[in-house]
Amino acid sequence: MGISQYRLAQAIGKPQSAISDIVHGRRAISPEMAWLFSKALGTSAEFWLNLEATYQLKRIDETDMPEVPLLVEG
């Protein structure tokens, strides 16, 4: 989009470090931040929350997860 982290931070009234942390995967996109992004960038808050959920799901290491029985046949 050609928008700097600084410019986005100024537009939404948050520290540039918060934007940098999100960009570098050190901080999740909260509902508040999703709403702010949506207003500043002309998208929806749901877009940003779905992006965050997808990112978090892709980071799961299934080898560390417990075995869970299937309760419903489909």
PDB file of N, CA and C in Angstrom:
ATOM      1  N   MET A   1       0.823  -1.198   0.000  1.00  0.00           N
ATOM      2  CA  MET A   1       0.000   0.000   0.000  1.00  0.00           C
ATOM      3  C   MET A   1       0.867   1.262   0.000  1.00  0.00           C
ATOM      4  N   GLY A   2       2.147   1.097   0.225  1.00  0.00           N
ATOM      5  CA  GLY A   2       3.045   2.237   0.194  1.00  0.00           C
ATOM      6  C   GLY A   2       2.927   3.170   1.390  1.00  0.00           C
ATOM      7  N   ILE A   3       2.410   2.663   2.509  1.00  0.00           N
ATOM      8  CA  ILE A   3       2.258   3.473   3.716  1.00  0.00           C
ATOM      9  C   ILE A   3       3.313   3.035   4.729  1.00  0.00           C
ATOM     10  N   SER A   4       4.028   3.991   5.253  1.00  0.00           N
ATOM     11  CA  SER A   4       5.067   3.644   6.231  1.00  0.00           C
ATOM     12  C   SER A   4       4.437   3.312   7.576  1.00  0.00           C
ATOM     13  N   GLN A   5       5.194   2.580   8.379  1.00  0.00           N
ATOM     14  CA  GLN A   5       4.749   2.272   9.737  1.00  0.00           C
ATOM     15  C   GLN A   5       4.530   3.561  10.513  1.00  0.00           C
ATOM     16  N   TYR A   6       5.404   4.520  10.311  1.00  0.00           N
ATOM     17  CA  TYR A   6       5.291   5.805  11.005  1.00  0.00           C
ATOM     18  C   TYR A   6       3.985   6.502  10.641  1.00  0.00           C
ATOM     19  N   ARG A   7       3.677   6.543   9.365  1.00  0.00           N
ATOM     20  CA  ARG A   7       2.457   7.224   8.910  1.00  0.00           C
ATOM     21  C   ARG A   7       1.210   6.539   9.456  1.00  0.00           C
ATOM     22  N   LEU A   8       1.197   5.210   9.444  1.00  0.00           N
ATOM     23  CA  LEU A   8       0.049   4.474   9.984  1.00  0.00           C
ATOM     24  C   LEU A   8      -0.087   4.729  11.480  1.00  0.00           C
ATOM     25  N   ALA A   9       1.022   4.678  12.189  1.00  0.00           N
ATOM     26  CA  ALA A   9       0.999   4.923  13.636  1.00  0.00           C
ATOM     27  C   ALA A   9       0.451   6.310  13.943  1.00  0.00           C
ATOM     28  N   GLN A  10       0.883   7.304  13.200  1.00  0.00           N
ATOM     29  CA  GLN A  10       0.393   8.662  13.410  1.00  0.00           C
ATOM     30  C   GLN A  10      -1.101   8.761  13.133  1.00  0.00           C
ATOM     31  N   ALA A  11      -1.566   8.092  12.086  1.00  0.00           N
ATOM     32  CA  ALA A  11      -2.978   8.155  11.705  1.00  0.00           C
ATOM     33  C   ALA A  11      -3.892   7.541  12.757  1.00  0.00           C
ATOM     34  N   ILE A  12      -3.427   6.469  13.407  1.00  0.00           N
ATOM     35  CA  ILE A  12      -4.294   5.777  14.370  1.00  0.00           C
ATOM     36  C   ILE A  12      -3.983   6.134  15.818  1.00  0.00           C
ATOM     37  N   GLY A  13      -2.980   6.976  16.035  1.00  0.00           N
ATOM     38  CA  GLY A  13      -2.661   7.420  17.383  1.00  0.00           C
ATOM     39  C   GLY A  13      -2.020   6.368  18.263  1.00  0.00           C
ATOM     40  N   LYS A  14      -1.244   5.491  17.660  1.00  0.00           N
ATOM     41  CA  LYS A  14      -0.525   4.445  18.396  1.00  0.00           C
ATOM     42  C   LYS A  14       0.972   4.601  18.151  1.00  0.00           C
ATOM     43  N   PRO A  15       1.803   4.063  19.058  1.00  0.00           N
ATOM     44  CA  PRO A  15       3.252   4.151  18.852  1.00  0.00           C
ATOM     45  C   PRO A  15       3.703   3.348  17.628  1.00  0.00           C
ATOM     46  N   GLN A  16       4.698   3.873  16.954  1.00  0.00           N
ATOM     47  CA  GLN A  16       5.251   3.166  15.805  1.00  0.00           C
ATOM     48  C   GLN A  16       5.765   1.789  16.215  1.00  0.00           C
ATOM     49  N   SER A  17       6.244   1.668  17.448  1.00  0.00           N
ATOM     50  CA  SER A  17       6.748   0.374  17.923  1.00  0.00           C
ATOM     51  C   SER A  17       5.634  -0.682  17.927  1.00  0.00           C
ATOM     52  N   ALA A  18       4.394  -0.279  18.183  1.00  0.00           N
ATOM     53  CA  ALA A  18       3.279  -1.234  18.160  1.00  0.00           C
ATOM     54  C   ALA A  18       3.064  -1.771  16.752  1.00  0.00           C
ATOM     55  N   ILE A  19       3.153  -0.899  15.759  1.00  0.00           N
ATOM     56  CA  ILE A  19       3.001  -1.318  14.368  1.00  0.00           C
ATOM     57  C   ILE A  19       4.159  -2.230  13.982  1.00  0.00           C
ATOM     58  N   SER A  20       5.363  -1.845  14.359  1.00  0.00           N
ATOM     59  CA  SER A  20       6.544  -2.655  14.060  1.00  0.00           C
ATOM     60  C   SER A  20       6.440  -4.038  14.687  1.00  0.00           C
ATOM     61  N   ASP A  21       5.968  -4.105  15.920  1.00  0.00           N
ATOM     62  CA  ASP A  21       5.823  -5.402  16.586  1.00  0.00           C
ATOM     63  C   ASP A  21       4.824  -6.298  15.851  1.00  0.00           C
ATOM     64  N   ILE A  22       3.746  -5.729  15.352  1.00  0.00           N
ATOM     65  CA  ILE A  22       2.768  -6.511  14.587  1.00  0.00           C
ATOM     66  C   ILE A  22       3.400  -6.992  13.284  1.00  0.00           C
ATOM     67  N   VAL A  23       4.049  -6.096  12.578  1.00  0.00           N
ATOM     68  CA  VAL A  23       4.677  -6.436  11.294  1.00  0.00           C
ATOM     69  C   VAL A  23       5.690  -7.561  11.448  1.00  0.00           C
ATOM     70  N   HIS A  24       6.428  -7.559  12.557  1.00  0.00           N
ATOM     71  CA  HIS A  24       7.475  -8.562  12.766  1.00  0.00           C
ATOM     72  C   HIS A  24       7.007  -9.764  13.588  1.00  0.00           C
ATOM     73  N   GLY A  25       5.702  -9.887  13.808  1.00  0.00           N
ATOM     74  CA  GLY A  25       5.153 -11.062  14.480  1.00  0.00           C
ATOM     75  C   GLY A  25       5.399 -11.126  15.968  1.00  0.00           C
ATOM     76  N   ARG A  26       5.720 -10.001  16.580  1.00  0.00           N
ATOM     77  CA  ARG A  26       5.971  -9.978  18.024  1.00  0.00           C
ATOM     78  C   ARG A  26       4.733  -9.592  18.830  1.00  0.00           C
ATOM     79  N   ARG A  27       3.692  -9.161  18.140  1.00  0.00           N
ATOM     80  CA  ARG A  27       2.454  -8.743  18.799  1.00  0.00           C
ATOM     81  C   ARG A  27       1.288  -9.132  17.913  1.00  0.00           C
ATOM     82  N   ALA A  28       0.230  -9.603  18.539  1.00  0.00           N
ATOM     83  CA  ALA A  28      -0.977  -9.981  17.796  1.00  0.00           C
ATOM     84  C   ALA A  28      -1.800  -8.741  17.469  1.00  0.00           C
ATOM     85  N   ILE A  29      -2.644  -8.876  16.465  1.00  0.00           N
ATOM     86  CA  ILE A  29      -3.589  -7.817  16.126  1.00  0.00           C
ATOM     87  C   ILE A  29      -4.804  -7.969  17.024  1.00  0.00           C
ATOM     88  N   SER A  30      -4.995  -7.015  17.906  1.00  0.00           N
ATOM     89  CA  SER A  30      -6.131  -7.031  18.832  1.00  0.00           C
ATOM     90  C   SER A  30      -7.379  -6.526  18.105  1.00  0.00           C
ATOM     91  N   PRO A  31      -8.561  -6.775  18.672  1.00  0.00           N
ATOM     92  CA  PRO A  31      -9.775  -6.212  18.063  1.00  0.00           C
ATOM     93  C   PRO A  31      -9.710  -4.691  17.928  1.00  0.00           C
ATOM     94  N   GLU A  32      -9.154  -4.015  18.932  1.00  0.00           N
ATOM     95  CA  GLU A  32      -9.029  -2.552  18.841  1.00  0.00           C
ATOM     96  C   GLU A  32      -8.135  -2.154  17.674  1.00  0.00           C
ATOM     97  N   MET A  33      -6.992  -2.823  17.561  1.00  0.00           N
ATOM     98  CA  MET A  33      -6.063  -2.496  16.484  1.00  0.00           C
ATOM     99  C   MET A  33      -6.682  -2.836  15.130  1.00  0.00           C
ATOM    100  N   ALA A  34      -7.421  -3.935  15.052  1.00  0.00           N
ATOM    101  CA  ALA A  34      -8.107  -4.305  13.814  1.00  0.00           C
ATOM    102  C   ALA A  34      -9.083  -3.209  13.401  1.00  0.00           C
ATOM    103  N   TRP A  35      -9.802  -2.667  14.376  1.00  0.00           N
ATOM    104  CA  TRP A  35     -10.758  -1.603  14.085  1.00  0.00           C
ATOM    105  C   TRP A  35     -10.028  -0.355  13.585  1.00  0.00           C
ATOM    106  N   LEU A  36      -8.936   0.006  14.259  1.00  0.00           N
ATOM    107  CA  LEU A  36      -8.153   1.180  13.847  1.00  0.00           C
ATOM    108  C   LEU A  36      -7.579   0.998  12.445  1.00  0.00           C
ATOM    109  N   PHE A  37      -7.009  -0.181  12.181  1.00  0.00           N
ATOM    110  CA  PHE A  37      -6.482  -0.467  10.839  1.00  0.00           C
ATOM    111  C   PHE A  37      -7.576  -0.343   9.792  1.00  0.00           C
ATOM    112  N   SER A  38      -8.749  -0.885  10.112  1.00  0.00           N
ATOM    113  CA  SER A  38      -9.841  -0.867   9.132  1.00  0.00           C
ATOM    114  C   SER A  38     -10.235   0.555   8.770  1.00  0.00           C
ATOM    115  N   LYS A  39     -10.283   1.431   9.752  1.00  0.00           N
ATOM    116  CA  LYS A  39     -10.657   2.820   9.484  1.00  0.00           C
ATOM    117  C   LYS A  39      -9.578   3.545   8.684  1.00  0.00           C
ATOM    118  N   ALA A  40      -8.328   3.314   9.029  1.00  0.00           N
ATOM    119  CA  ALA A  40      -7.222   4.006   8.366  1.00  0.00           C
ATOM    120  C   ALA A  40      -6.956   3.483   6.955  1.00  0.00           C
ATOM    121  N   LEU A  41      -7.234   2.202   6.729  1.00  0.00           N
ATOM    122  CA  LEU A  41      -6.838   1.572   5.473  1.00  0.00           C
ATOM    123  C   LEU A  41      -8.013   1.190   4.572  1.00  0.00           C
ATOM    124  N   GLY A  42      -9.240   1.508   5.011  1.00  0.00           N
ATOM    125  CA  GLY A  42     -10.404   1.252   4.162  1.00  0.00           C
ATOM    126  C   GLY A  42     -10.734  -0.217   3.994  1.00  0.00           C
ATOM    127  N   THR A  43     -10.501  -0.992   5.038  1.00  0.00           N
ATOM    128  CA  THR A  43     -10.816  -2.418   5.013  1.00  0.00           C
ATOM    129  C   THR A  43     -11.839  -2.680   6.116  1.00  0.00           C
ATOM    130  N   SER A  44     -12.024  -3.931   6.470  1.00  0.00           N
ATOM    131  CA  SER A  44     -12.903  -4.253   7.599  1.00  0.00           C
ATOM    132  C   SER A  44     -12.064  -4.754   8.771  1.00  0.00           C
ATOM    133  N   ALA A  45     -12.603  -4.599   9.965  1.00  0.00           N
ATOM    134  CA  ALA A  45     -11.925  -5.135  11.149  1.00  0.00           C
ATOM    135  C   ALA A  45     -11.846  -6.653  11.051  1.00  0.00           C
ATOM    136  N   GLU A  46     -12.871  -7.269  10.485  1.00  0.00           N
ATOM    137  CA  GLU A  46     -12.889  -8.733  10.325  1.00  0.00           C
ATOM    138  C   GLU A  46     -11.732  -9.206   9.458  1.00  0.00           C
ATOM    139  N   PHE A  47     -11.375  -8.438   8.436  1.00  0.00           N
ATOM    140  CA  PHE A  47     -10.240  -8.793   7.587  1.00  0.00           C
ATOM    141  C   PHE A  47      -8.981  -8.956   8.426  1.00  0.00           C
ATOM    142  N   TRP A  48      -8.710  -7.991   9.308  1.00  0.00           N
ATOM    143  CA  TRP A  48      -7.498  -8.015  10.133  1.00  0.00           C
ATOM    144  C   TRP A  48      -7.547  -9.116  11.181  1.00  0.00           C
ATOM    145  N   LEU A  49      -8.713  -9.340  11.770  1.00  0.00           N
ATOM    146  CA  LEU A  49      -8.835 -10.410  12.773  1.00  0.00           C
ATOM    147  C   LEU A  49      -8.712 -11.782  12.116  1.00  0.00           C
ATOM    148  N   ASN A  50      -9.267 -11.956  10.928  1.00  0.00           N
ATOM    149  CA  ASN A  50      -9.113 -13.218  10.209  1.00  0.00           C
ATOM    150  C   ASN A  50      -7.663 -13.450   9.812  1.00  0.00           C
ATOM    151  N   LEU A  51      -6.989 -12.398   9.408  1.00  0.00           N
ATOM    152  CA  LEU A  51      -5.565 -12.502   9.075  1.00  0.00           C
ATOM    153  C   LEU A  51      -4.765 -12.955  10.287  1.00  0.00           C
ATOM    154  N   GLU A  52      -5.061 -12.386  11.447  1.00  0.00           N
ATOM    155  CA  GLU A  52      -4.371 -12.759  12.681  1.00  0.00           C
ATOM    156  C   GLU A  52      -4.662 -14.210  13.054  1.00  0.00           C
ATOM    157  N   ALA A  53      -5.928 -14.616  12.964  1.00  0.00           N
ATOM    158  CA  ALA A  53      -6.296 -15.994  13.306  1.00  0.00           C
ATOM    159  C   ALA A  53      -5.601 -16.979  12.371  1.00  0.00           C
ATOM    160  N   THR A  54      -5.557 -16.678  11.092  1.00  0.00           N
ATOM    161  CA  THR A  54      -4.886 -17.551  10.122  1.00  0.00           C
ATOM    162  C   THR A  54      -3.399 -17.658  10.447  1.00  0.00           C
ATOM    163  N   TYR A  55      -2.774 -16.546  10.763  1.00  0.00           N
ATOM    164  CA  TYR A  55      -1.356 -16.532  11.119  1.00  0.00           C
ATOM    165  C   TYR A  55      -1.097 -17.399  12.357  1.00  0.00           C
ATOM    166  N   GLN A  56      -1.926 -17.241  13.383  1.00  0.00           N
ATOM    167  CA  GLN A  56      -1.744 -18.016  14.602  1.00  0.00           C
ATOM    168  C   GLN A  56      -1.947 -19.510  14.367  1.00  0.00           C
ATOM    169  N   LEU A  57      -2.940 -19.872  13.583  1.00  0.00           N
ATOM    170  CA  LEU A  57      -3.175 -21.290  13.292  1.00  0.00           C
ATOM    171  C   LEU A  57      -2.006 -21.909  12.526  1.00  0.00           C
ATOM    172  N   LYS A  58      -1.425 -21.161  11.600  1.00  0.00           N
ATOM    173  CA  LYS A  58      -0.288 -21.676  10.830  1.00  0.00           C
ATOM    174  C   LYS A  58       0.964 -21.850  11.689  1.00  0.00           C
ATOM    175  N   ARG A  59       1.035 -21.145  12.800  1.00  0.00           N
ATOM    176  CA  ARG A  59       2.197 -21.241  13.683  1.00  0.00           C
ATOM    177  C   ARG A  59       2.111 -22.396  14.673  1.00  0.00           C
ATOM    178  N   ILE A  60       0.975 -23.050  14.761  1.00  0.00           N
ATOM    179  CA  ILE A  60       0.817 -24.157  15.711  1.00  0.00           C
ATOM    180  C   ILE A  60       1.711 -25.323  15.301  1.00  0.00           C
ATOM    181  N   ASP A  61       2.453 -25.833  16.245  1.00  0.00           N
ATOM    182  CA  ASP A  61       3.266 -27.035  16.032  1.00  0.00           C
ATOM    183  C   ASP A  61       2.428 -28.215  16.510  1.00  0.00           C
ATOM    184  N   GLU A  62       1.885 -28.963  15.574  1.00  0.00           N
ATOM    185  CA  GLU A  62       0.980 -30.062  15.917  1.00  0.00           C
ATOM    186  C   GLU A  62       1.639 -31.145  16.756  1.00  0.00           C
ATOM    187  N   THR A  63       2.959 -31.227  16.711  1.00  0.00           N
ATOM    188  CA  THR A  63       3.636 -32.247  17.513  1.00  0.00           C
ATOM    189  C   THR A  63       3.557 -31.924  19.000  1.00  0.00           C
ATOM    190  N   ASP A  64       3.303 -30.665  19.327  1.00  0.00           N
ATOM    191  CA  ASP A  64       3.178 -30.259  20.735  1.00  0.00           C
ATOM    192  C   ASP A  64       1.736 -30.302  21.237  1.00  0.00           C
ATOM    193  N   MET A  65       0.813 -30.618  20.357  1.00  0.00           N
ATOM    194  CA  MET A  65      -0.600 -30.605  20.719  1.00  0.00           C
ATOM    195  C   MET A  65      -1.024 -31.989  21.225  1.00  0.00           C
ATOM    196  N   PRO A  66      -1.965 -32.024  22.164  1.00  0.00           N
ATOM    197  CA  PRO A  66      -2.440 -33.312  22.668  1.00  0.00           C
ATOM    198  C   PRO A  66      -3.285 -34.025  21.623  1.00  0.00           C
ATOM    199  N   GLU A  67      -3.356 -35.341  21.731  1.00  0.00           N
ATOM    200  CA  GLU A  67      -4.235 -36.101  20.856  1.00  0.00           C
ATOM    201  C   GLU A  67      -5.662 -35.914  21.373  1.00  0.00           C
ATOM    202  N   VAL A  68      -6.558 -35.600  20.447  1.00  0.00           N
ATOM    203  CA  VAL A  68      -7.949 -35.317  20.815  1.00  0.00           C
ATOM    204  C   VAL A  68      -8.849 -36.278  20.046  1.00  0.00           C
ATOM    205  N   PRO A  69      -9.726 -36.996  20.748  1.00  0.00           N
ATOM    206  CA  PRO A  69     -10.612 -37.930  20.036  1.00  0.00           C
ATOM    207  C   PRO A  69     -11.701 -37.177  19.287  1.00  0.00           C
ATOM    208  N   LEU A  70     -12.095 -37.720  18.158  1.00  0.00           N
ATOM    209  CA  LEU A  70     -13.204 -37.164  17.384  1.00  0.00           C
ATOM    210  C   LEU A  70     -14.500 -37.533  18.076  1.00  0.00           C
ATOM    211  N   LEU A  71     -15.306 -36.550  18.407  1.00  0.00           N
ATOM    212  CA  LEU A  71     -16.538 -36.783  19.146  1.00  0.00           C
ATOM    213  C   LEU A  71     -17.764 -36.856  18.253  1.00  0.00           C
ATOM    214  N   VAL A  72     -17.679 -36.299  17.061  1.00  0.00           N
ATOM    215  CA  VAL A  72     -18.837 -36.265  16.166  1.00  0.00           C
ATOM    216  C   VAL A  72     -18.439 -36.824  14.816  1.00  0.00           C
ATOM    217  N   GLU A  73     -19.197 -37.766  14.325  1.00  0.00           N
ATOM    218  CA  GLU A  73     -18.968 -38.310  12.986  1.00  0.00           C
ATOM    219  C   GLU A  73     -19.711 -37.429  11.986  1.00  0.00           C
ATOM    220  N   GLY A  74     -19.056 -37.147  10.885  1.00  0.00           N
ATOM    221  CA  GLY A  74     -19.694 -36.206   9.992  1.00  0.00           C
ATOM    222  C   GLY A  74     -19.884 -36.628   8.637  1.00  0.00           C
TER     223      GLY A  74
END
